[in-house]
Amino acid sequence: MKSKKPSLDYIDEDVAYFIGLITARGEISDQGGVKRVSIEFPFRNLEVEGIRKKITQKDKILLSLDNVINRVNELADVNVRKTESERSVYLVLETLKNTMFLRNVKMLMKGKSSYYEFEIPSQIFESSDSIKKEFVRGFADVAGSARWANRNRWGKCRVYLDVLNSPSNWRLPVQICHLLQDHLGIPVDVIQWGHPNTRDPSLKEYKAGRKDAWAREHQIKIFTDDFEKIGFYMSHKQEILEELAEYNRVKGFTKANFCNPPKRRKNKPKHPSENSEKLPSEIRGKHYDSYWQICADLGCVRYANFVKSHKKLTKWVKSEKKGKK
């Protein structure tokens, strides 16, 4: 007798959105009896620029967070407040109670406490498309950016989803890519890994004395007209997204393709930092000529399916040749 699939009734769209926020820049702590969840909403520049629009980010984040607070209040009996710093706004939840909501959050995050180690909960992948989209919106509201500066070499505008670089969270970009492409049907243009072979392929920064300059954030890059299917709840990000998505449509760029391995570029020189402790054990000590090779070693489902189908094709070709002899 087959066991029943566990109920996912504790995950709705509000919970999925909140889990997206936490996965992007959240930290969970329990000190002195105070249970706390802190979520950082960073902004590198005071203004975000589209083509014609230029919007002050901090004020817009503070206004948009009122809607987030309303959603949190529907979920949990906690004190919620906003705090500010020069380059970030924080949403802080605090309570003395070990509420069911907080217990569910900890369970979904597998007891981990920081965005430096979070992954996408398996329950998100098992949920409806509306819940998957809410998770991505939550992540994007914190760690996503739509800017005129995000264009590719042909001038097509993109959204970047940033994952801060830590040895413990390198599987997260692959999981986000899998969720977007294989669950929601949204193509990913490329993943820019914070790896020495992709960030400093010619050793330019290494030779200049900036030996760890490659260890920056990973960036999942999606064209703006495709990301409109997800969108932002942060009003300033949504305004810029709509402007840049319309630009892509007016320009008549070719439709984005789903990444389809294998993709290779010219051979790159060995980098001394390929053995860095800043890299996860799965890829430490390995050399890569393409971002796809990194994705493959970190569990890319598309690459695994490609290898599986390629093996079947190779086996079929060999049997055909053998039969003709």
C-alpha atoms as a PDB file:
ATOM      1  CA  MET A   1       0.000   0.000   0.000  1.00  0.00           C
ATOM      2  CA  LYS A   2       1.401   3.378  -1.046  1.00  0.00           C
ATOM      3  CA  SER A   3       1.889   5.964   1.664  1.00  0.00           C
ATOM      4  CA  LYS A   4      -0.098   9.151   1.321  1.00  0.00           C
ATOM      5  CA  LYS A   5       1.675  12.294   0.179  1.00  0.00           C
ATOM      6  CA  PRO A   6       2.028  14.707   3.121  1.00  0.00           C
ATOM      7  CA  SER A   7      -0.408  17.602   3.173  1.00  0.00           C
ATOM      8  CA  LEU A   8       0.870  21.006   2.138  1.00  0.00           C
ATOM      9  CA  ASP A   9      -2.011  22.908   3.707  1.00  0.00           C
ATOM     10  CA  TYR A  10       0.444  24.955   5.787  1.00  0.00           C
ATOM     11  CA  ILE A  11       1.793  26.556   2.586  1.00  0.00           C
ATOM     12  CA  ASP A  12      -0.355  29.154   0.891  1.00  0.00           C
ATOM     13  CA  GLU A  13       0.597  32.120  -1.293  1.00  0.00           C
ATOM     14  CA  ASP A  14       1.375  34.375   1.687  1.00  0.00           C
ATOM     15  CA  VAL A  15       3.649  31.770   3.267  1.00  0.00           C
ATOM     16  CA  ALA A  16       5.399  31.102  -0.057  1.00  0.00           C
ATOM     17  CA  TYR A  17       6.040  34.820  -0.537  1.00  0.00           C
ATOM     18  CA  PHE A  18       7.451  35.110   2.985  1.00  0.00           C
ATOM     19  CA  ILE A  19       9.699  32.070   2.439  1.00  0.00           C
ATOM     20  CA  GLY A  20      10.957  33.722  -0.754  1.00  0.00           C
ATOM     21  CA  LEU A  21      11.890  36.846   1.225  1.00  0.00           C
ATOM     22  CA  ILE A  22      13.746  34.782   3.823  1.00  0.00           C
ATOM     23  CA  THR A  23      15.583  32.673   1.246  1.00  0.00           C
ATOM     24  CA  ALA A  24      16.872  35.840  -0.420  1.00  0.00           C
ATOM     25  CA  ARG A  25      18.164  37.794   2.614  1.00  0.00           C
ATOM     26  CA  GLY A  26      16.629  36.408   5.788  1.00  0.00           C
ATOM     27  CA  GLU A  27      18.107  35.365   9.122  1.00  0.00           C
ATOM     28  CA  ILE A  28      16.378  33.425  11.887  1.00  0.00           C
ATOM     29  CA  SER A  29      17.551  33.651  15.506  1.00  0.00           C
ATOM     30  CA  ASP A  30      16.490  32.778  19.048  1.00  0.00           C
ATOM     31  CA  GLN A  31      18.422  34.718  21.676  1.00  0.00           C
ATOM     32  CA  GLY A  32      17.425  35.431  25.249  1.00  0.00           C
ATOM     33  CA  GLY A  33      14.022  33.926  24.601  1.00  0.00           C
ATOM     34  CA  VAL A  34      13.305  36.349  21.727  1.00  0.00           C
ATOM     35  CA  LYS A  35      12.474  34.659  18.457  1.00  0.00           C
ATOM     36  CA  ARG A  36      13.480  36.926  15.589  1.00  0.00           C
ATOM     37  CA  VAL A  37      13.328  36.882  11.792  1.00  0.00           C
ATOM     38  CA  SER A  38      15.210  39.707  10.071  1.00  0.00           C
ATOM     39  CA  ILE A  39      14.986  40.342   6.318  1.00  0.00           C
ATOM     40  CA  GLU A  40      17.267  42.819   4.569  1.00  0.00           C
ATOM     41  CA  PHE A  41      16.081  44.804   1.541  1.00  0.00           C
ATOM     42  CA  PRO A  42      19.349  46.172   0.109  1.00  0.00           C
ATOM     43  CA  PHE A  43      19.834  48.882  -2.495  1.00  0.00           C
ATOM     44  CA  ARG A  44      23.279  49.481  -3.976  1.00  0.00           C
ATOM     45  CA  ASN A  45      22.336  52.804  -5.514  1.00  0.00           C
ATOM     46  CA  LEU A  46      20.046  55.475  -4.118  1.00  0.00           C
ATOM     47  CA  GLU A  47      18.186  55.525  -7.432  1.00  0.00           C
ATOM     48  CA  VAL A  48      17.187  52.779  -9.849  1.00  0.00           C
ATOM     49  CA  GLU A  49      17.256  53.790 -13.499  1.00  0.00           C
ATOM     50  CA  GLY A  50      15.241  52.576 -16.423  1.00  0.00           C
ATOM     51  CA  ILE A  51      15.247  54.216 -19.848  1.00  0.00           C
ATOM     52  CA  ARG A  52      13.380  57.405 -18.981  1.00  0.00           C
ATOM     53  CA  LYS A  53      12.448  56.674 -15.366  1.00  0.00           C
ATOM     54  CA  LYS A  54      14.657  57.310 -12.367  1.00  0.00           C
ATOM     55  CA  ILE A  55      13.213  56.289  -8.999  1.00  0.00           C
ATOM     56  CA  THR A  56      14.496  56.813  -5.436  1.00  0.00           C
ATOM     57  CA  GLN A  57      14.629  53.307  -4.008  1.00  0.00           C
ATOM     58  CA  LYS A  58      14.643  53.732  -0.230  1.00  0.00           C
ATOM     59  CA  ASP A  59      11.357  55.646  -0.041  1.00  0.00           C
ATOM     60  CA  LYS A  60       9.638  53.178  -2.362  1.00  0.00           C
ATOM     61  CA  ILE A  61      10.880  50.185  -0.375  1.00  0.00           C
ATOM     62  CA  LEU A  62       9.565  51.685   2.866  1.00  0.00           C
ATOM     63  CA  LEU A  63       6.140  52.270   1.286  1.00  0.00           C
ATOM     64  CA  SER A  64       5.959  48.807  -0.280  1.00  0.00           C
ATOM     65  CA  LEU A  65       6.919  47.172   3.020  1.00  0.00           C
ATOM     66  CA  ASP A  66       3.612  48.315   4.514  1.00  0.00           C
ATOM     67  CA  ASN A  67       1.889  45.790   2.230  1.00  0.00           C
ATOM     68  CA  VAL A  68       4.385  43.116   3.255  1.00  0.00           C
ATOM     69  CA  ILE A  69       3.695  43.855   6.929  1.00  0.00           C
ATOM     70  CA  ASN A  70      -0.039  43.468   6.314  1.00  0.00           C
ATOM     71  CA  ARG A  71       0.579  40.034   4.785  1.00  0.00           C
ATOM     72  CA  VAL A  72       2.801  38.991   7.702  1.00  0.00           C
ATOM     73  CA  ASN A  73       0.167  40.102  10.209  1.00  0.00           C
ATOM     74  CA  GLU A  74      -2.290  37.760   8.514  1.00  0.00           C
ATOM     75  CA  LEU A  75       0.125  34.889   9.102  1.00  0.00           C
ATOM     76  CA  ALA A  76       1.549  35.344  12.565  1.00  0.00           C
ATOM     77  CA  ASP A  77       1.030  36.851  15.986  1.00  0.00           C
ATOM     78  CA  VAL A  78       4.338  38.739  16.062  1.00  0.00           C
ATOM     79  CA  ASN A  79       5.622  42.260  16.402  1.00  0.00           C
ATOM     80  CA  VAL A  80       6.738  43.602  13.015  1.00  0.00           C
ATOM     81  CA  ARG A  81       8.833  46.729  12.506  1.00  0.00           C
ATOM     82  CA  LYS A  82      10.952  48.470   9.874  1.00  0.00           C
ATOM     83  CA  THR A  83      14.481  49.737  10.459  1.00  0.00           C
ATOM     84  CA  GLU A  84      16.816  51.629   8.144  1.00  0.00           C
ATOM     85  CA  SER A  85      20.506  51.893   7.360  1.00  0.00           C
ATOM     86  CA  GLU A  86      22.406  53.796   4.691  1.00  0.00           C
ATOM     87  CA  ARG A  87      22.103  51.078   2.024  1.00  0.00           C
ATOM     88  CA  SER A  88      19.357  48.792   3.341  1.00  0.00           C
ATOM     89  CA  VAL A  89      15.900  48.642   4.856  1.00  0.00           C
ATOM     90  CA  TYR A  90      15.127  45.804   7.284  1.00  0.00           C
ATOM     91  CA  LEU A  91      11.898  44.044   8.138  1.00  0.00           C
ATOM     92  CA  VAL A  92      12.149  42.574  11.653  1.00  0.00           C
ATOM     93  CA  LEU A  93       9.690  40.111  13.212  1.00  0.00           C
ATOM     94  CA  GLU A  94       9.969  39.460  16.956  1.00  0.00           C
ATOM     95  CA  THR A  95       8.039  37.410  19.482  1.00  0.00           C
ATOM     96  CA  LEU A  96       8.495  35.616  22.794  1.00  0.00           C
ATOM     97  CA  LYS A  97       6.156  32.832  21.646  1.00  0.00           C
ATOM     98  CA  ASN A  98       7.195  29.726  19.781  1.00  0.00           C
ATOM     99  CA  THR A  99       4.269  30.111  17.389  1.00  0.00           C
ATOM    100  CA  MET A 100       3.107  27.497  14.916  1.00  0.00           C
ATOM    101  CA  PHE A 101       3.995  29.896  12.100  1.00  0.00           C
ATOM    102  CA  LEU A 102       7.619  30.175  13.232  1.00  0.00           C
ATOM    103  CA  ARG A 103       7.852  26.427  13.748  1.00  0.00           C
ATOM    104  CA  ASN A 104       6.613  25.871  10.201  1.00  0.00           C
ATOM    105  CA  VAL A 105       9.135  28.393   8.863  1.00  0.00           C
ATOM    106  CA  LYS A 106      11.989  26.628  10.669  1.00  0.00           C
ATOM    107  CA  MET A 107      10.762  23.284   9.382  1.00  0.00           C
ATOM    108  CA  LEU A 108      10.613  24.535   5.792  1.00  0.00           C
ATOM    109  CA  MET A 109      14.142  25.956   6.078  1.00  0.00           C
ATOM    110  CA  LYS A 110      15.365  22.648   7.562  1.00  0.00           C
ATOM    111  CA  GLY A 111      16.554  24.270  10.772  1.00  0.00           C
ATOM    112  CA  LYS A 112      19.038  26.519   8.952  1.00  0.00           C
ATOM    113  CA  SER A 113      19.327  30.091  10.137  1.00  0.00           C
ATOM    114  CA  SER A 114      20.780  32.252   7.353  1.00  0.00           C
ATOM    115  CA  TYR A 115      20.388  33.089   3.660  1.00  0.00           C
ATOM    116  CA  TYR A 116      24.041  32.089   3.364  1.00  0.00           C
ATOM    117  CA  GLU A 117      22.879  28.472   3.636  1.00  0.00           C
ATOM    118  CA  PHE A 118      19.183  28.400   2.655  1.00  0.00           C
ATOM    119  CA  GLU A 119      17.861  26.382  -0.283  1.00  0.00           C
ATOM    120  CA  ILE A 120      14.398  26.279  -1.856  1.00  0.00           C
ATOM    121  CA  PRO A 121      12.184  24.039   0.315  1.00  0.00           C
ATOM    122  CA  SER A 122      11.125  20.876  -1.503  1.00  0.00           C
ATOM    123  CA  GLN A 123       7.509  21.706  -0.597  1.00  0.00           C
ATOM    124  CA  ILE A 124       7.625  24.713  -2.940  1.00  0.00           C
ATOM    125  CA  PHE A 125       8.398  22.466  -5.902  1.00  0.00           C
ATOM    126  CA  GLU A 126       5.459  20.247  -4.912  1.00  0.00           C
ATOM    127  CA  SER A 127       2.974  23.133  -4.747  1.00  0.00           C
ATOM    128  CA  SER A 128       0.755  24.872  -7.308  1.00  0.00           C
ATOM    129  CA  ASP A 129       2.133  27.312  -9.888  1.00  0.00           C
ATOM    130  CA  SER A 130       0.578  30.255  -8.040  1.00  0.00           C
ATOM    131  CA  ILE A 131       2.518  29.327  -4.907  1.00  0.00           C
ATOM    132  CA  LYS A 132       5.740  28.840  -6.900  1.00  0.00           C
ATOM    133  CA  LYS A 133       5.304  32.301  -8.431  1.00  0.00           C
ATOM    134  CA  GLU A 134       4.752  33.868  -5.012  1.00  0.00           C
ATOM    135  CA  PHE A 135       7.995  32.326  -3.794  1.00  0.00           C
ATOM    136  CA  VAL A 136       9.891  33.796  -6.765  1.00  0.00           C
ATOM    137  CA  ARG A 137       8.233  37.216  -6.245  1.00  0.00           C
ATOM    138  CA  GLY A 138       9.313  37.188  -2.615  1.00  0.00           C
ATOM    139  CA  PHE A 139      12.878  36.356  -3.598  1.00  0.00           C
ATOM    140  CA  ALA A 140      12.867  38.968  -6.376  1.00  0.00           C
ATOM    141  CA  ASP A 141      11.382  41.737  -4.200  1.00  0.00           C
ATOM    142  CA  VAL A 142      14.478  41.415  -2.020  1.00  0.00           C
ATOM    143  CA  ALA A 143      17.253  40.217  -4.335  1.00  0.00           C
ATOM    144  CA  GLY A 144      16.028  41.062  -7.838  1.00  0.00           C
ATOM    145  CA  SER A 145      16.806  44.089  -9.968  1.00  0.00           C
ATOM    146  CA  ALA A 146      15.449  45.462 -13.246  1.00  0.00           C
ATOM    147  CA  ARG A 147      17.763  48.167 -14.562  1.00  0.00           C
ATOM    148  CA  TRP A 148      18.734  49.664 -17.896  1.00  0.00           C
ATOM    149  CA  ALA A 149      22.330  48.674 -17.049  1.00  0.00           C
ATOM    150  CA  ASN A 150      21.347  44.972 -17.032  1.00  0.00           C
ATOM    151  CA  ARG A 151      21.334  44.679 -20.851  1.00  0.00           C
ATOM    152  CA  ASN A 152      23.151  41.873 -22.656  1.00  0.00           C
ATOM    153  CA  ARG A 153      25.650  42.459 -25.468  1.00  0.00           C
ATOM    154  CA  TRP A 154      22.824  42.834 -28.014  1.00  0.00           C
ATOM    155  CA  GLY A 155      21.012  45.415 -25.899  1.00  0.00           C
ATOM    156  CA  LYS A 156      18.216  43.170 -24.601  1.00  0.00           C
ATOM    157  CA  CYS A 157      17.089  44.121 -21.083  1.00  0.00           C
ATOM    158  CA  ARG A 158      17.266  41.618 -18.254  1.00  0.00           C
ATOM    159  CA  VAL A 159      16.292  41.079 -14.631  1.00  0.00           C
ATOM    160  CA  TYR A 160      19.039  39.882 -12.298  1.00  0.00           C
ATOM    161  CA  LEU A 161      18.294  37.657  -9.311  1.00  0.00           C
ATOM    162  CA  ASP A 162      21.274  37.793  -6.945  1.00  0.00           C
ATOM    163  CA  VAL A 163      22.434  35.021  -4.621  1.00  0.00           C
ATOM    164  CA  LEU A 164      25.178  36.160  -2.254  1.00  0.00           C
ATOM    165  CA  ASN A 165      28.259  33.978  -2.436  1.00  0.00           C
ATOM    166  CA  SER A 166      28.810  31.458   0.362  1.00  0.00           C
ATOM    167  CA  PRO A 167      30.265  27.900   0.209  1.00  0.00           C
ATOM    168  CA  SER A 168      26.949  26.646   1.629  1.00  0.00           C
ATOM    169  CA  ASN A 169      24.422  28.034  -0.887  1.00  0.00           C
ATOM    170  CA  TRP A 170      25.782  27.222  -4.340  1.00  0.00           C
ATOM    171  CA  ARG A 171      22.891  24.875  -5.120  1.00  0.00           C
ATOM    172  CA  LEU A 172      20.370  27.704  -4.761  1.00  0.00           C
ATOM    173  CA  PRO A 173      20.977  29.324  -8.209  1.00  0.00           C
ATOM    174  CA  VAL A 174      20.460  25.952  -9.914  1.00  0.00           C
ATOM    175  CA  GLN A 175      17.270  25.393  -7.909  1.00  0.00           C
ATOM    176  CA  ILE A 176      15.905  28.822  -8.854  1.00  0.00           C
ATOM    177  CA  CYS A 177      16.765  28.186 -12.506  1.00  0.00           C
ATOM    178  CA  HIS A 178      14.997  24.797 -12.339  1.00  0.00           C
ATOM    179  CA  LEU A 179      11.911  26.356 -10.720  1.00  0.00           C
ATOM    180  CA  LEU A 180      11.710  29.086 -13.370  1.00  0.00           C
ATOM    181  CA  GLN A 181      12.355  26.989 -16.462  1.00  0.00           C
ATOM    182  CA  ASP A 182      10.983  23.534 -15.741  1.00  0.00           C
ATOM    183  CA  HIS A 183       8.094  24.448 -13.422  1.00  0.00           C
ATOM    184  CA  LEU A 184       6.996  27.907 -14.564  1.00  0.00           C
ATOM    185  CA  GLY A 185       8.102  27.862 -18.206  1.00  0.00           C
ATOM    186  CA  ILE A 186      10.239  31.011 -17.941  1.00  0.00           C
ATOM    187  CA  PRO A 187      13.575  30.847 -19.822  1.00  0.00           C
ATOM    188  CA  VAL A 188      16.792  31.737 -18.037  1.00  0.00           C
ATOM    189  CA  ASP A 189      19.356  33.479 -20.208  1.00  0.00           C
ATOM    190  CA  VAL A 190      22.420  32.558 -18.160  1.00  0.00           C
ATOM    191  CA  ILE A 191      23.757  32.086 -14.632  1.00  0.00           C
ATOM    192  CA  GLN A 192      26.765  34.277 -13.896  1.00  0.00           C
ATOM    193  CA  TRP A 193      28.596  32.310 -11.236  1.00  0.00           C
ATOM    194  CA  GLY A 194      30.816  33.899  -8.600  1.00  0.00           C
ATOM    195  CA  HIS A 195      33.601  31.530  -9.655  1.00  0.00           C
ATOM    196  CA  PRO A 196      37.180  32.372 -10.710  1.00  0.00           C
ATOM    197  CA  ASN A 197      36.718  30.775 -14.160  1.00  0.00           C
ATOM    198  CA  THR A 198      33.618  32.872 -14.923  1.00  0.00           C
ATOM    199  CA  ARG A 199      34.251  36.124 -13.010  1.00  0.00           C
ATOM    200  CA  ASP A 200      37.972  36.414 -13.694  1.00  0.00           C
ATOM    201  CA  PRO A 201      38.589  34.112 -16.694  1.00  0.00           C
ATOM    202  CA  SER A 202      41.681  35.970 -17.903  1.00  0.00           C
ATOM    203  CA  LEU A 203      43.172  36.367 -14.390  1.00  0.00           C
ATOM    204  CA  LYS A 204      43.147  40.138 -14.851  1.00  0.00           C
ATOM    205  CA  GLU A 205      41.953  40.928 -11.329  1.00  0.00           C
ATOM    206  CA  TYR A 206      44.111  38.189  -9.812  1.00  0.00           C
ATOM    207  CA  LYS A 207      47.253  39.633 -11.407  1.00  0.00           C
ATOM    208  CA  ALA A 208      46.246  43.104 -10.207  1.00  0.00           C
ATOM    209  CA  GLY A 209      46.320  41.868  -6.610  1.00  0.00           C
ATOM    210  CA  ARG A 210      42.546  41.452  -6.186  1.00  0.00           C
ATOM    211  CA  LYS A 211      42.828  37.703  -5.707  1.00  0.00           C
ATOM    212  CA  ASP A 212      39.335  37.137  -4.298  1.00  0.00           C
ATOM    213  CA  ALA A 213      37.487  39.648  -6.502  1.00  0.00           C
ATOM    214  CA  TRP A 214      35.766  36.731  -8.265  1.00  0.00           C
ATOM    215  CA  ALA A 215      33.922  35.712  -5.068  1.00  0.00           C
ATOM    216  CA  ARG A 216      30.981  38.021  -5.743  1.00  0.00           C
ATOM    217  CA  GLU A 217      27.275  37.250  -5.909  1.00  0.00           C
ATOM    218  CA  HIS A 218      25.845  34.734  -8.366  1.00  0.00           C
ATOM    219  CA  GLN A 219      23.389  36.259 -10.845  1.00  0.00           C
ATOM    220  CA  ILE A 220      20.479  34.461 -12.514  1.00  0.00           C
ATOM    221  CA  LYS A 221      19.648  36.529 -15.603  1.00  0.00           C
ATOM    222  CA  ILE A 222      16.149  36.537 -17.177  1.00  0.00           C
ATOM    223  CA  PHE A 223      14.870  38.784 -19.968  1.00  0.00           C
ATOM    224  CA  THR A 224      12.444  41.417 -18.707  1.00  0.00           C
ATOM    225  CA  ASP A 225       9.606  40.486 -21.071  1.00  0.00           C
ATOM    226  CA  ASP A 226       9.777  36.907 -19.765  1.00  0.00           C
ATOM    227  CA  PHE A 227      10.006  37.947 -16.118  1.00  0.00           C
ATOM    228  CA  GLU A 228       6.808  40.002 -16.471  1.00  0.00           C
ATOM    229  CA  LYS A 229       4.996  36.683 -15.941  1.00  0.00           C
ATOM    230  CA  ILE A 230       6.314  36.855 -12.363  1.00  0.00           C
ATOM    231  CA  GLY A 231       6.740  40.569 -11.689  1.00  0.00           C
ATOM    232  CA  PHE A 232       7.510  42.442  -8.480  1.00  0.00           C
ATOM    233  CA  TYR A 233       5.369  43.676  -5.600  1.00  0.00           C
ATOM    234  CA  MET A 234       7.973  46.375  -4.931  1.00  0.00           C
ATOM    235  CA  SER A 235       6.364  49.196  -6.908  1.00  0.00           C
ATOM    236  CA  HIS A 236       9.575  50.849  -8.126  1.00  0.00           C
ATOM    237  CA  LYS A 237      10.956  47.560  -9.447  1.00  0.00           C
ATOM    238  CA  GLN A 238       7.674  46.810 -11.222  1.00  0.00           C
ATOM    239  CA  GLU A 239       7.635  50.248 -12.892  1.00  0.00           C
ATOM    240  CA  ILE A 240      11.123  49.776 -14.296  1.00  0.00           C
ATOM    241  CA  LEU A 241      10.372  46.162 -15.291  1.00  0.00           C
ATOM    242  CA  GLU A 242       7.338  47.221 -17.349  1.00  0.00           C
ATOM    243  CA  GLU A 243       9.329  49.942 -19.108  1.00  0.00           C
ATOM    244  CA  LEU A 244      12.195  47.610 -19.990  1.00  0.00           C
ATOM    245  CA  ALA A 245       9.914  44.736 -21.017  1.00  0.00           C
ATOM    246  CA  GLU A 246       8.098  47.043 -23.418  1.00  0.00           C
ATOM    247  CA  TYR A 247      11.450  48.150 -24.822  1.00  0.00           C
ATOM    248  CA  ASN A 248      12.346  44.514 -25.578  1.00  0.00           C
ATOM    249  CA  ARG A 249       9.027  43.994 -27.365  1.00  0.00           C
ATOM    250  CA  VAL A 250       9.300  47.195 -29.412  1.00  0.00           C
ATOM    251  CA  LYS A 251      12.819  46.288 -30.484  1.00  0.00           C
ATOM    252  CA  GLY A 252      11.550  42.946 -31.738  1.00  0.00           C
ATOM    253  CA  PHE A 253      14.275  40.823 -30.185  1.00  0.00           C
ATOM    254  CA  THR A 254      14.088  37.107 -30.939  1.00  0.00           C
ATOM    255  CA  LYS A 255      12.199  35.000 -28.432  1.00  0.00           C
ATOM    256  CA  ALA A 256      14.332  33.682 -25.566  1.00  0.00           C
ATOM    257  CA  ASN A 257      15.363  30.029 -25.657  1.00  0.00           C
ATOM    258  CA  PHE A 258      15.401  27.664 -22.728  1.00  0.00           C
ATOM    259  CA  CYS A 259      18.994  26.808 -21.902  1.00  0.00           C
ATOM    260  CA  ASN A 260      19.799  23.486 -23.485  1.00  0.00           C
ATOM    261  CA  PRO A 261      23.143  21.783 -22.785  1.00  0.00           C
ATOM    262  CA  PRO A 262      25.865  21.397 -23.714  1.00  0.00           C
ATOM    263  CA  LYS A 263      27.023  24.995 -24.143  1.00  0.00           C
ATOM    264  CA  ARG A 264      30.764  25.617 -24.319  1.00  0.00           C
ATOM    265  CA  ARG A 265      32.982  28.596 -24.870  1.00  0.00           C
ATOM    266  CA  LYS A 266      36.651  28.767 -25.723  1.00  0.00           C
ATOM    267  CA  ASN A 267      39.065  27.150 -23.311  1.00  0.00           C
ATOM    268  CA  LYS A 268      40.037  29.306 -20.353  1.00  0.00           C
ATOM    269  CA  PRO A 269      43.357  29.318 -18.525  1.00  0.00           C
ATOM    270  CA  LYS A 270      43.704  27.640 -15.161  1.00  0.00           C
ATOM    271  CA  HIS A 271      43.038  29.974 -12.244  1.00  0.00           C
ATOM    272  CA  PRO A 272      44.992  29.709  -8.946  1.00  0.00           C
ATOM    273  CA  SER A 273      41.758  30.212  -6.976  1.00  0.00           C
ATOM    274  CA  GLU A 274      40.158  27.029  -8.309  1.00  0.00           C
ATOM    275  CA  ASN A 275      41.193  25.413  -5.002  1.00  0.00           C
ATOM    276  CA  SER A 276      39.854  28.245  -2.835  1.00  0.00           C
ATOM    277  CA  GLU A 277      38.076  27.435   0.426  1.00  0.00           C
ATOM    278  CA  LYS A 278      35.429  29.920  -0.716  1.00  0.00           C
ATOM    279  CA  LEU A 279      34.222  27.279  -3.191  1.00  0.00           C
ATOM    280  CA  PRO A 280      31.957  24.384  -2.172  1.00  0.00           C
ATOM    281  CA  SER A 281      33.519  20.923  -1.987  1.00  0.00           C
ATOM    282  CA  GLU A 282      31.552  19.684  -5.038  1.00  0.00           C
ATOM    283  CA  ILE A 283      33.435  21.952  -7.407  1.00  0.00           C
ATOM    284  CA  ARG A 284      36.598  22.862  -5.487  1.00  0.00           C
ATOM    285  CA  GLY A 285      39.736  21.935  -7.413  1.00  0.00           C
ATOM    286  CA  LYS A 286      37.931  21.690 -10.765  1.00  0.00           C
ATOM    287  CA  HIS A 287      38.428  23.814 -13.866  1.00  0.00           C
ATOM    288  CA  TYR A 288      35.475  25.109 -15.916  1.00  0.00           C
ATOM    289  CA  ASP A 289      35.282  26.561 -19.410  1.00  0.00           C
ATOM    290  CA  SER A 290      31.506  27.148 -19.306  1.00  0.00           C
ATOM    291  CA  TYR A 291      28.911  28.123 -16.722  1.00  0.00           C
ATOM    292  CA  TRP A 292      26.989  25.014 -17.763  1.00  0.00           C
ATOM    293  CA  GLN A 293      29.706  22.747 -16.396  1.00  0.00           C
ATOM    294  CA  ILE A 294      29.285  24.342 -12.968  1.00  0.00           C
ATOM    295  CA  CYS A 295      25.500  23.921 -13.179  1.00  0.00           C
ATOM    296  CA  ALA A 296      25.966  20.233 -14.030  1.00  0.00           C
ATOM    297  CA  ASP A 297      28.171  19.551 -11.002  1.00  0.00           C
ATOM    298  CA  LEU A 298      25.666  21.310  -8.737  1.00  0.00           C
ATOM    299  CA  GLY A 299      22.719  19.139  -9.741  1.00  0.00           C
ATOM    300  CA  CYS A 300      21.218  20.758 -12.853  1.00  0.00           C
ATOM    301  CA  VAL A 301      18.150  18.708 -13.800  1.00  0.00           C
ATOM    302  CA  ARG A 302      18.326  19.788 -17.446  1.00  0.00           C
ATOM    303  CA  TYR A 303      21.900  18.597 -17.749  1.00  0.00           C
ATOM    304  CA  ALA A 304      21.063  15.286 -16.070  1.00  0.00           C
ATOM    305  CA  ASN A 305      18.163  14.765 -18.510  1.00  0.00           C
ATOM    306  CA  PHE A 306      20.435  15.656 -21.428  1.00  0.00           C
ATOM    307  CA  VAL A 307      23.041  13.101 -20.354  1.00  0.00           C
ATOM    308  CA  LYS A 308      20.340  10.473 -19.871  1.00  0.00           C
ATOM    309  CA  SER A 309      18.792  11.067 -23.309  1.00  0.00           C
ATOM    310  CA  HIS A 310      22.252  11.279 -24.910  1.00  0.00           C
ATOM    311  CA  LYS A 311      23.174   7.881 -23.479  1.00  0.00           C
ATOM    312  CA  LYS A 312      19.946   6.410 -24.874  1.00  0.00           C
ATOM    313  CA  LEU A 313      20.642   7.936 -28.274  1.00  0.00           C
ATOM    314  CA  THR A 314      24.227   6.657 -28.260  1.00  0.00           C
ATOM    315  CA  LYS A 315      23.017   3.174 -27.328  1.00  0.00           C
ATOM    316  CA  TRP A 316      20.400   3.278 -30.136  1.00  0.00           C
ATOM    317  CA  VAL A 317      22.985   4.419 -32.719  1.00  0.00           C
ATOM    318  CA  LYS A 318      25.379   1.677 -31.695  1.00  0.00           C
ATOM    319  CA  SER A 319      22.645  -0.979 -31.945  1.00  0.00           C
ATOM    320  CA  GLU A 320      21.606   0.333 -35.380  1.00  0.00           C
ATOM    321  CA  LYS A 321      25.172   0.146 -36.642  1.00  0.00           C
ATOM    322  CA  LYS A 322      25.560  -3.340 -35.228  1.00  0.00           C
ATOM    323  CA  GLY A 323      22.339  -4.488 -36.905  1.00  0.00           C
ATOM    324  CA  LYS A 324      23.507  -3.261 -40.328  1.00  0.00           C
ATOM    325  CA  LYS A 325      26.713  -5.299 -40.211  1.00  0.00           C
END
